[in-house]
N, C-alpha and C. Protein backbone atom coordinates (compact mmCIF):
# COMPACT_ATOMS: atom_id res chain seq x y z
N MET A 1 -9.22 19.81 29.53
CA MET A 1 -8.78 19.07 28.39
C MET A 1 -9.21 19.65 27.19
N THR A 2 -8.18 19.87 26.18
CA THR A 2 -8.39 20.28 25.03
C THR A 2 -8.38 19.17 23.86
N LYS A 3 -9.46 19.26 22.91
CA LYS A 3 -9.55 18.10 22.02
C LYS A 3 -8.98 18.83 20.55
N THR A 4 -8.06 18.07 19.89
CA THR A 4 -7.42 18.57 18.85
C THR A 4 -7.49 17.56 17.64
N GLU A 5 -8.21 17.84 16.65
CA GLU A 5 -8.37 16.96 15.44
C GLU A 5 -7.04 16.90 14.73
N ILE A 6 -6.54 15.76 14.37
CA ILE A 6 -5.46 15.77 13.55
C ILE A 6 -5.70 15.40 12.04
N SER A 7 -5.72 16.36 11.21
CA SER A 7 -6.22 16.20 9.66
C SER A 7 -5.49 15.13 9.01
N GLU A 8 -4.23 14.89 9.34
CA GLU A 8 -3.60 13.60 8.67
C GLU A 8 -4.26 12.25 9.00
N LEU A 9 -4.98 12.35 10.15
CA LEU A 9 -5.49 11.03 10.55
C LEU A 9 -7.04 10.77 10.20
N ALA A 10 -7.47 11.74 9.50
CA ALA A 10 -8.74 11.66 9.03
C ALA A 10 -9.00 10.62 8.16
N SER A 11 -9.91 9.79 8.25
CA SER A 11 -10.14 8.58 7.51
C SER A 11 -11.55 8.03 7.67
N ASN A 12 -12.09 7.18 6.55
CA ASN A 12 -13.33 6.60 6.70
C ASN A 12 -13.27 5.35 7.05
N GLN A 13 -12.12 4.70 7.52
CA GLN A 13 -12.06 3.30 7.85
C GLN A 13 -12.59 3.07 9.22
N GLU A 14 -13.49 2.12 9.20
CA GLU A 14 -14.14 1.90 10.51
C GLU A 14 -13.31 0.79 11.45
N GLU A 15 -12.74 -0.04 10.84
CA GLU A 15 -12.00 -1.12 11.50
C GLU A 15 -10.71 -0.54 12.02
N THR A 16 -10.40 -0.67 13.46
CA THR A 16 -9.19 -0.28 14.17
C THR A 16 -8.15 -1.12 13.30
N ASP A 17 -8.25 -2.31 13.18
CA ASP A 17 -7.06 -3.08 12.57
C ASP A 17 -6.55 -2.46 11.36
N THR A 18 -7.33 -1.72 10.59
CA THR A 18 -6.64 -1.18 9.31
C THR A 18 -6.30 0.36 9.63
N ARG A 19 -6.90 0.95 10.47
CA ARG A 19 -6.32 2.39 10.86
C ARG A 19 -5.21 2.44 11.56
N VAL A 20 -4.70 1.33 12.27
CA VAL A 20 -3.33 1.31 12.80
C VAL A 20 -2.30 1.51 11.84
N VAL A 21 -2.45 1.06 10.69
CA VAL A 21 -1.52 1.47 9.50
C VAL A 21 -1.17 2.91 9.30
N LEU A 22 -2.36 3.57 9.46
CA LEU A 22 -2.50 4.95 9.11
C LEU A 22 -1.70 5.70 10.43
N TYR A 23 -2.00 5.23 11.49
CA TYR A 23 -1.44 5.77 12.77
C TYR A 23 0.15 5.51 12.76
N LEU A 24 0.58 4.24 12.35
CA LEU A 24 2.03 3.97 12.26
C LEU A 24 2.77 5.04 11.16
N LYS A 25 2.10 5.12 10.00
CA LYS A 25 2.57 6.11 8.91
C LYS A 25 2.70 7.48 9.62
N PHE A 26 1.84 7.86 10.32
CA PHE A 26 1.87 9.24 11.01
C PHE A 26 2.95 9.32 11.95
N ALA A 27 3.11 8.40 12.77
CA ALA A 27 4.21 8.53 13.76
C ALA A 27 5.57 8.52 13.10
N ALA A 28 5.66 7.58 11.94
CA ALA A 28 7.00 7.72 11.16
C ALA A 28 7.08 9.20 10.68
N SER A 29 6.25 9.62 10.18
CA SER A 29 6.24 11.14 9.57
C SER A 29 6.67 12.17 10.54
N LYS A 30 6.45 11.78 11.77
CA LYS A 30 6.71 12.82 12.95
C LYS A 30 8.13 12.50 13.51
N GLY A 31 8.87 11.45 12.97
CA GLY A 31 10.19 11.01 13.35
C GLY A 31 10.39 9.89 14.38
N TYR A 32 9.40 9.43 14.83
CA TYR A 32 9.49 8.28 15.52
C TYR A 32 10.09 7.13 14.99
N LYS A 33 10.97 6.47 15.59
CA LYS A 33 11.73 5.32 15.13
C LYS A 33 11.12 3.98 15.24
N SER A 34 10.45 3.91 16.26
CA SER A 34 9.67 2.56 16.57
C SER A 34 8.25 2.78 17.28
N ALA A 35 7.46 1.77 17.19
CA ALA A 35 6.09 1.72 17.78
C ALA A 35 5.63 0.54 18.30
N VAL A 36 4.95 0.40 19.27
CA VAL A 36 4.32 -1.05 19.85
C VAL A 36 2.92 -0.81 19.67
N VAL A 37 2.34 -1.80 19.07
CA VAL A 37 0.81 -1.95 18.91
C VAL A 37 0.42 -2.87 19.76
N ARG A 38 -0.50 -2.69 20.84
CA ARG A 38 -0.94 -3.41 21.62
C ARG A 38 -2.42 -3.87 21.46
N THR A 39 -2.46 -5.28 21.26
CA THR A 39 -3.91 -6.00 21.21
C THR A 39 -3.86 -7.29 21.30
N PRO A 40 -4.92 -7.84 21.90
CA PRO A 40 -4.88 -9.15 22.11
C PRO A 40 -5.28 -10.02 20.79
N ASP A 41 -5.88 -9.21 19.77
CA ASP A 41 -6.21 -9.78 18.49
C ASP A 41 -5.03 -10.10 17.76
N THR A 42 -4.84 -11.24 17.24
CA THR A 42 -3.50 -11.46 16.43
C THR A 42 -3.87 -11.30 14.83
N ASP A 43 -5.24 -10.95 14.63
CA ASP A 43 -5.40 -10.72 13.22
C ASP A 43 -4.63 -9.52 12.67
N ILE A 44 -4.45 -8.47 13.52
CA ILE A 44 -3.65 -7.40 13.06
C ILE A 44 -2.25 -7.62 12.57
N LEU A 45 -1.78 -8.78 13.04
CA LEU A 45 -0.23 -9.33 12.67
C LEU A 45 -0.19 -9.36 11.15
N VAL A 46 -1.13 -9.93 10.53
CA VAL A 46 -1.29 -10.24 9.21
C VAL A 46 -1.35 -8.98 8.38
N ILE A 47 -2.17 -8.06 9.04
CA ILE A 47 -2.14 -6.69 8.31
C ILE A 47 -0.90 -5.89 8.27
N LEU A 48 -0.23 -6.00 9.66
CA LEU A 48 1.06 -5.28 9.79
C LEU A 48 2.10 -5.81 8.90
N LEU A 49 2.16 -7.13 8.90
CA LEU A 49 3.10 -7.83 8.12
C LEU A 49 3.14 -7.25 6.53
N HIS A 50 1.93 -7.26 6.13
CA HIS A 50 1.77 -6.74 4.70
C HIS A 50 2.22 -5.34 4.51
N HIS A 51 2.04 -4.51 5.44
CA HIS A 51 2.25 -3.06 5.39
C HIS A 51 3.68 -2.51 5.97
N ALA A 52 4.21 -3.48 6.88
CA ALA A 52 5.59 -3.22 7.45
C ALA A 52 6.73 -2.63 6.46
N PRO A 53 6.86 -3.21 5.29
CA PRO A 53 8.00 -2.69 4.29
C PRO A 53 7.74 -1.22 3.98
N SER A 54 6.41 -0.72 3.91
CA SER A 54 6.14 0.54 3.44
C SER A 54 6.04 1.53 4.52
N ILE A 55 6.36 1.11 5.75
CA ILE A 55 6.40 1.93 6.86
C ILE A 55 7.87 2.19 7.46
N PRO A 56 8.46 3.38 7.39
CA PRO A 56 9.94 3.58 7.90
C PRO A 56 9.83 3.62 9.33
N ILE A 57 9.43 2.62 9.95
CA ILE A 57 9.50 2.45 11.67
C ILE A 57 9.48 1.23 12.04
N ASP A 58 10.14 0.80 13.18
CA ASP A 58 10.28 -0.51 13.60
C ASP A 58 9.05 -0.81 14.31
N ILE A 59 8.20 -1.64 13.83
CA ILE A 59 6.96 -2.09 14.38
C ILE A 59 6.98 -3.29 15.26
N TYR A 60 6.54 -3.15 16.66
CA TYR A 60 6.51 -4.30 17.42
C TYR A 60 4.93 -4.60 17.68
N LEU A 61 4.42 -5.90 17.71
CA LEU A 61 3.17 -6.17 18.27
C LEU A 61 3.13 -6.70 19.62
N ASP A 62 2.52 -6.28 20.56
CA ASP A 62 2.34 -6.73 21.91
C ASP A 62 0.97 -7.37 21.89
N THR A 63 0.84 -8.80 21.86
CA THR A 63 -0.22 -9.41 21.74
C THR A 63 -0.47 -10.56 22.80
N GLY A 64 -1.55 -11.15 22.89
CA GLY A 64 -1.94 -12.02 23.87
C GLY A 64 -2.57 -11.49 25.16
N THR A 65 -2.83 -12.27 26.17
CA THR A 65 -3.34 -11.74 27.39
C THR A 65 -2.70 -12.60 28.60
N GLY A 66 -2.54 -12.11 29.68
CA GLY A 66 -2.06 -12.68 31.00
C GLY A 66 -0.69 -13.25 30.82
N LYS A 67 -0.39 -14.49 31.20
CA LYS A 67 0.94 -15.12 30.86
C LYS A 67 1.23 -15.42 29.34
N ASN A 68 0.13 -15.30 28.53
CA ASN A 68 0.38 -15.52 27.11
C ASN A 68 0.90 -14.46 26.24
N ARG A 69 1.18 -13.13 27.04
CA ARG A 69 1.46 -12.07 26.18
C ARG A 69 2.89 -12.34 25.64
N LYS A 70 3.16 -11.86 24.49
CA LYS A 70 4.41 -11.80 23.85
C LYS A 70 4.61 -10.63 22.90
N ILE A 71 5.81 -10.19 22.61
CA ILE A 71 6.19 -9.14 21.75
C ILE A 71 6.76 -9.75 20.46
N ILE A 72 6.21 -9.27 19.24
CA ILE A 72 6.63 -9.66 17.97
C ILE A 72 7.18 -8.55 17.31
N ASN A 73 8.48 -8.82 16.74
CA ASN A 73 9.06 -7.74 15.89
C ASN A 73 8.48 -7.91 14.59
N VAL A 74 7.50 -7.19 14.23
CA VAL A 74 6.85 -7.35 12.96
C VAL A 74 7.65 -6.93 11.90
N SER A 75 8.41 -5.90 11.81
CA SER A 75 9.19 -5.42 10.74
C SER A 75 10.24 -6.46 10.30
N GLU A 76 10.94 -7.01 11.40
CA GLU A 76 11.85 -8.09 11.20
C GLU A 76 11.47 -9.27 10.54
N LEU A 77 10.10 -9.77 11.18
CA LEU A 77 9.36 -10.75 10.64
C LEU A 77 8.96 -10.71 9.00
N ALA A 78 8.39 -9.34 8.84
CA ALA A 78 8.19 -9.34 7.52
C ALA A 78 9.37 -9.04 6.59
N GLU A 79 10.56 -8.85 6.93
CA GLU A 79 11.54 -8.89 6.16
C GLU A 79 12.17 -10.24 5.96
N THR A 80 12.13 -10.99 7.02
CA THR A 80 12.36 -12.47 6.81
C THR A 80 11.48 -13.20 5.85
N LYS A 81 10.04 -13.01 6.06
CA LYS A 81 9.22 -13.82 5.13
C LYS A 81 9.25 -13.24 3.66
N GLY A 82 9.47 -11.98 3.55
CA GLY A 82 9.44 -11.42 2.22
C GLY A 82 8.01 -10.90 1.84
N PRO A 83 8.20 -9.82 0.97
CA PRO A 83 6.81 -9.30 0.43
C PRO A 83 5.85 -10.21 -0.06
N ASP A 84 6.23 -11.05 -0.98
CA ASP A 84 5.29 -12.05 -1.71
C ASP A 84 4.57 -12.86 -0.74
N TYR A 85 5.30 -13.47 0.39
CA TYR A 85 4.69 -14.32 1.39
C TYR A 85 3.75 -13.49 2.08
N CYS A 86 4.22 -12.20 2.47
CA CYS A 86 3.33 -11.35 3.41
C CYS A 86 1.87 -11.04 2.72
N THR A 87 2.17 -10.74 1.34
CA THR A 87 0.95 -10.46 0.55
C THR A 87 0.07 -11.60 0.38
N ALA A 88 0.61 -12.79 0.13
CA ALA A 88 -0.21 -14.03 0.02
C ALA A 88 -1.05 -14.14 1.31
N LEU A 89 -0.18 -13.95 2.46
CA LEU A 89 -0.88 -14.26 3.91
C LEU A 89 -2.15 -13.46 4.03
N LEU A 90 -2.10 -12.21 3.55
CA LEU A 90 -3.10 -11.21 3.76
C LEU A 90 -4.17 -11.64 2.87
N GLY A 91 -3.94 -12.08 1.59
CA GLY A 91 -4.98 -12.65 0.79
C GLY A 91 -5.69 -13.85 1.37
N LEU A 92 -4.82 -14.65 1.84
CA LEU A 92 -5.36 -15.97 2.60
C LEU A 92 -6.31 -15.54 3.77
N TYR A 93 -5.81 -14.52 4.53
CA TYR A 93 -6.45 -13.94 5.67
C TYR A 93 -7.97 -13.39 5.47
N VAL A 94 -7.87 -12.79 4.01
CA VAL A 94 -9.21 -12.18 3.68
C VAL A 94 -10.03 -13.36 3.33
N PHE A 95 -9.68 -14.39 2.63
CA PHE A 95 -10.30 -15.45 2.11
C PHE A 95 -10.86 -16.40 3.16
N THR A 96 -10.09 -16.57 4.25
CA THR A 96 -10.50 -17.57 5.32
C THR A 96 -11.10 -17.08 6.49
N GLY A 97 -10.67 -15.91 6.82
CA GLY A 97 -10.99 -15.60 8.26
C GLY A 97 -10.72 -14.28 8.85
N GLU A 98 -11.00 -13.15 7.94
CA GLU A 98 -10.80 -11.89 8.40
C GLU A 98 -11.98 -11.85 9.46
N ASP A 99 -12.05 -10.60 10.08
CA ASP A 99 -13.13 -10.27 11.08
C ASP A 99 -14.57 -10.32 10.48
N ALA A 100 -14.42 -10.08 9.20
CA ALA A 100 -15.93 -9.97 8.49
C ALA A 100 -16.34 -11.23 7.59
N THR A 101 -15.47 -12.17 7.87
CA THR A 101 -15.65 -13.46 7.08
C THR A 101 -15.63 -14.59 8.18
N SER A 102 -16.52 -15.59 8.07
CA SER A 102 -16.39 -16.64 8.98
C SER A 102 -15.27 -17.57 8.38
N ALA A 103 -14.54 -18.20 9.63
CA ALA A 103 -13.41 -19.07 9.08
C ALA A 103 -14.13 -20.41 8.62
N PHE A 104 -13.39 -21.16 8.00
CA PHE A 104 -13.90 -22.51 7.58
C PHE A 104 -14.18 -23.33 8.75
N LYS A 105 -15.34 -24.03 8.70
CA LYS A 105 -15.69 -24.84 9.78
C LYS A 105 -14.59 -25.92 10.07
N GLY A 106 -14.26 -25.99 11.54
CA GLY A 106 -13.36 -26.89 11.88
C GLY A 106 -11.98 -26.76 11.52
N LYS A 107 -11.67 -25.66 10.81
CA LYS A 107 -10.31 -25.39 10.32
C LYS A 107 -9.68 -24.25 10.90
N GLY A 108 -10.54 -23.25 11.46
CA GLY A 108 -10.00 -22.07 12.08
C GLY A 108 -8.99 -21.41 11.14
N LYS A 109 -8.03 -20.66 11.56
CA LYS A 109 -7.01 -20.07 10.72
C LYS A 109 -5.84 -20.90 10.68
N LEU A 110 -5.46 -21.78 11.72
CA LEU A 110 -4.25 -22.39 11.65
C LEU A 110 -4.07 -23.45 10.37
N GLY A 111 -5.15 -24.04 10.03
CA GLY A 111 -5.27 -25.04 8.89
C GLY A 111 -4.98 -24.51 7.55
N PRO A 112 -5.57 -23.35 7.25
CA PRO A 112 -5.19 -22.70 5.92
C PRO A 112 -3.70 -22.23 5.99
N LEU A 113 -3.25 -21.70 7.15
CA LEU A 113 -1.96 -21.20 7.14
C LEU A 113 -0.88 -22.36 7.01
N LYS A 114 -1.25 -23.56 7.57
CA LYS A 114 -0.28 -24.67 7.29
C LYS A 114 -0.41 -24.97 5.93
N MET A 115 -1.46 -24.96 5.23
CA MET A 115 -1.57 -25.23 3.79
C MET A 115 -0.67 -24.22 2.96
N LEU A 116 -0.60 -22.98 3.35
CA LEU A 116 0.20 -22.08 2.71
C LEU A 116 1.52 -22.40 2.89
N HIS A 117 1.85 -22.82 3.98
CA HIS A 117 3.44 -23.14 4.40
C HIS A 117 3.95 -24.21 3.43
N LYS A 118 2.84 -25.41 3.33
CA LYS A 118 3.32 -26.56 2.64
C LYS A 118 3.13 -26.43 1.29
N ASN A 119 2.49 -25.55 0.75
CA ASN A 119 2.25 -25.41 -0.81
C ASN A 119 2.45 -24.01 -1.23
N PRO A 120 3.77 -23.53 -1.22
CA PRO A 120 3.94 -22.02 -1.76
C PRO A 120 3.38 -21.87 -3.05
N LYS A 121 2.91 -22.79 -3.92
CA LYS A 121 2.41 -22.33 -5.15
C LYS A 121 1.01 -21.75 -5.05
N TYR A 122 0.37 -21.80 -3.82
CA TYR A 122 -0.84 -21.01 -3.56
C TYR A 122 -0.53 -19.71 -3.43
N ASN A 123 0.77 -19.24 -3.14
CA ASN A 123 0.87 -17.88 -2.72
C ASN A 123 0.46 -16.87 -3.95
N ALA A 124 0.65 -17.31 -5.15
CA ALA A 124 0.37 -16.41 -6.22
C ALA A 124 -1.45 -16.31 -6.16
N ALA A 125 -1.90 -17.31 -5.91
CA ALA A 125 -3.48 -17.22 -5.95
C ALA A 125 -3.91 -16.27 -4.97
N PHE A 126 -3.43 -16.36 -3.71
CA PHE A 126 -3.94 -15.45 -2.64
C PHE A 126 -3.32 -13.95 -2.53
N ARG A 127 -2.32 -13.89 -3.38
CA ARG A 127 -1.75 -12.49 -3.79
C ARG A 127 -2.90 -11.85 -4.73
N LEU A 128 -3.36 -12.61 -5.65
CA LEU A 128 -4.35 -12.21 -6.58
C LEU A 128 -5.68 -12.00 -6.07
N ASN A 129 -5.91 -12.77 -4.87
CA ASN A 129 -7.25 -12.67 -4.04
C ASN A 129 -7.18 -11.37 -3.40
N LEU A 130 -5.99 -11.03 -2.83
CA LEU A 130 -5.87 -9.72 -2.06
C LEU A 130 -5.86 -8.70 -3.15
N MET A 131 -5.47 -8.75 -4.31
CA MET A 131 -5.45 -7.64 -5.37
C MET A 131 -6.97 -7.38 -5.64
N LYS A 132 -7.66 -8.58 -5.74
CA LYS A 132 -9.16 -8.37 -6.11
C LYS A 132 -9.89 -7.68 -5.04
N GLN A 133 -9.58 -8.10 -3.77
CA GLN A 133 -10.36 -7.42 -2.72
C GLN A 133 -9.89 -5.87 -2.63
N LEU A 134 -8.63 -5.56 -2.90
CA LEU A 134 -8.27 -4.27 -2.74
C LEU A 134 -8.70 -3.30 -3.85
N ASN A 135 -8.78 -3.83 -5.06
CA ASN A 135 -9.10 -3.14 -6.18
C ASN A 135 -10.64 -3.11 -6.54
N LYS A 136 -11.22 -3.98 -5.86
CA LYS A 136 -12.89 -4.04 -5.98
C LYS A 136 -13.31 -4.26 -7.28
N PHE A 137 -12.57 -5.06 -8.05
CA PHE A 137 -12.97 -5.44 -9.51
C PHE A 137 -13.41 -6.80 -9.52
N CYS A 138 -14.34 -7.24 -10.55
CA CYS A 138 -14.83 -8.48 -10.85
C CYS A 138 -13.71 -9.30 -11.26
N PHE A 139 -13.36 -10.53 -10.80
CA PHE A 139 -12.27 -11.12 -11.15
C PHE A 139 -12.78 -12.59 -11.60
N ASN A 140 -13.08 -12.62 -13.04
CA ASN A 140 -13.52 -13.86 -13.57
C ASN A 140 -12.47 -14.69 -14.28
N SER A 141 -11.50 -15.08 -13.47
CA SER A 141 -10.55 -16.00 -13.95
C SER A 141 -10.82 -17.43 -13.74
N ASP A 142 -10.78 -18.23 -14.52
CA ASP A 142 -10.98 -19.74 -14.16
C ASP A 142 -9.76 -20.12 -13.42
N PHE A 143 -8.56 -19.81 -13.78
CA PHE A 143 -7.44 -20.12 -13.11
C PHE A 143 -7.51 -19.72 -11.56
N PHE A 144 -7.96 -18.46 -11.43
CA PHE A 144 -8.11 -18.07 -9.88
C PHE A 144 -9.10 -18.94 -9.24
N LEU A 145 -10.20 -19.08 -9.93
CA LEU A 145 -11.39 -19.91 -9.16
C LEU A 145 -10.84 -21.39 -8.96
N LEU A 146 -10.10 -21.82 -9.80
CA LEU A 146 -9.47 -23.21 -9.56
C LEU A 146 -8.65 -23.43 -8.39
N PHE A 147 -7.79 -22.32 -8.22
CA PHE A 147 -6.65 -22.21 -7.01
C PHE A 147 -7.77 -22.19 -5.76
N LEU A 148 -8.70 -21.43 -5.72
CA LEU A 148 -9.64 -21.35 -4.61
C LEU A 148 -10.20 -22.80 -4.24
N LEU A 149 -10.76 -23.24 -5.22
CA LEU A 149 -11.40 -24.61 -5.20
C LEU A 149 -10.38 -25.81 -4.62
N LEU A 150 -9.24 -25.49 -5.11
CA LEU A 150 -8.16 -26.43 -4.63
C LEU A 150 -7.83 -26.38 -3.19
N HIS A 151 -7.81 -24.91 -2.67
CA HIS A 151 -7.67 -24.73 -1.29
C HIS A 151 -8.76 -25.21 -0.50
N ILE A 152 -9.98 -25.21 -1.00
CA ILE A 152 -11.08 -25.74 -0.23
C ILE A 152 -10.99 -27.34 -0.28
N ILE A 153 -10.82 -27.75 -1.16
CA ILE A 153 -10.54 -29.26 -1.24
C ILE A 153 -9.25 -29.68 -0.39
N TYR A 154 -8.20 -28.89 -0.22
CA TYR A 154 -7.24 -29.29 0.69
C TYR A 154 -7.69 -29.32 2.02
N LEU A 155 -8.68 -28.25 2.33
CA LEU A 155 -9.07 -28.26 3.75
C LEU A 155 -10.03 -29.35 4.09
N TYR A 156 -10.85 -29.65 2.99
CA TYR A 156 -11.83 -30.77 3.14
C TYR A 156 -11.67 -31.89 2.22
N PRO A 157 -10.80 -32.75 2.33
CA PRO A 157 -10.45 -33.69 1.41
C PRO A 157 -11.54 -34.81 1.08
N PHE A 158 -12.34 -34.86 2.17
CA PHE A 158 -13.58 -35.92 2.09
C PHE A 158 -14.51 -35.50 0.98
N LEU A 159 -14.41 -34.04 0.49
CA LEU A 159 -15.25 -33.69 -0.53
C LEU A 159 -15.05 -34.55 -1.94
N LEU A 160 -13.93 -35.13 -2.04
CA LEU A 160 -13.75 -35.74 -3.37
C LEU A 160 -14.07 -37.30 -3.08
N GLN A 161 -14.45 -37.65 -2.00
CA GLN A 161 -14.90 -38.97 -1.73
C GLN A 161 -16.29 -39.33 -2.35
């Protein structure tokens, strides 16, 4: 067996979830028309939805286990939802429950997602959250902090009592 390093795939990213985007871009550059990402972890769906429009390849996610496995056409879903929603979804993911962040107690990831669906006005705040995370700058906006506070209050309305 011969081991060959592919220089285009060199990266300092430790998380496989984010490295998959690099692999998909590489596959597209080599002329592949579609790719299937297999993982039981649905977190990668959020990452792929955000990046799908910038990758000229049809992306499918094979997720779940056993009888609960399913194939999701990520490229089609990203196009249907639109870039603003997909970016807001990634911002929400970073704020509420990415692998390095604990989810809000008793809310998991579904509660915040339902909130995003019911209140599209939060999209802008979570897009800003994502930009803050990606750009690594200090974000001292009272407006942004108010939106995050409203999100937490939405999840835990008893805090107002």
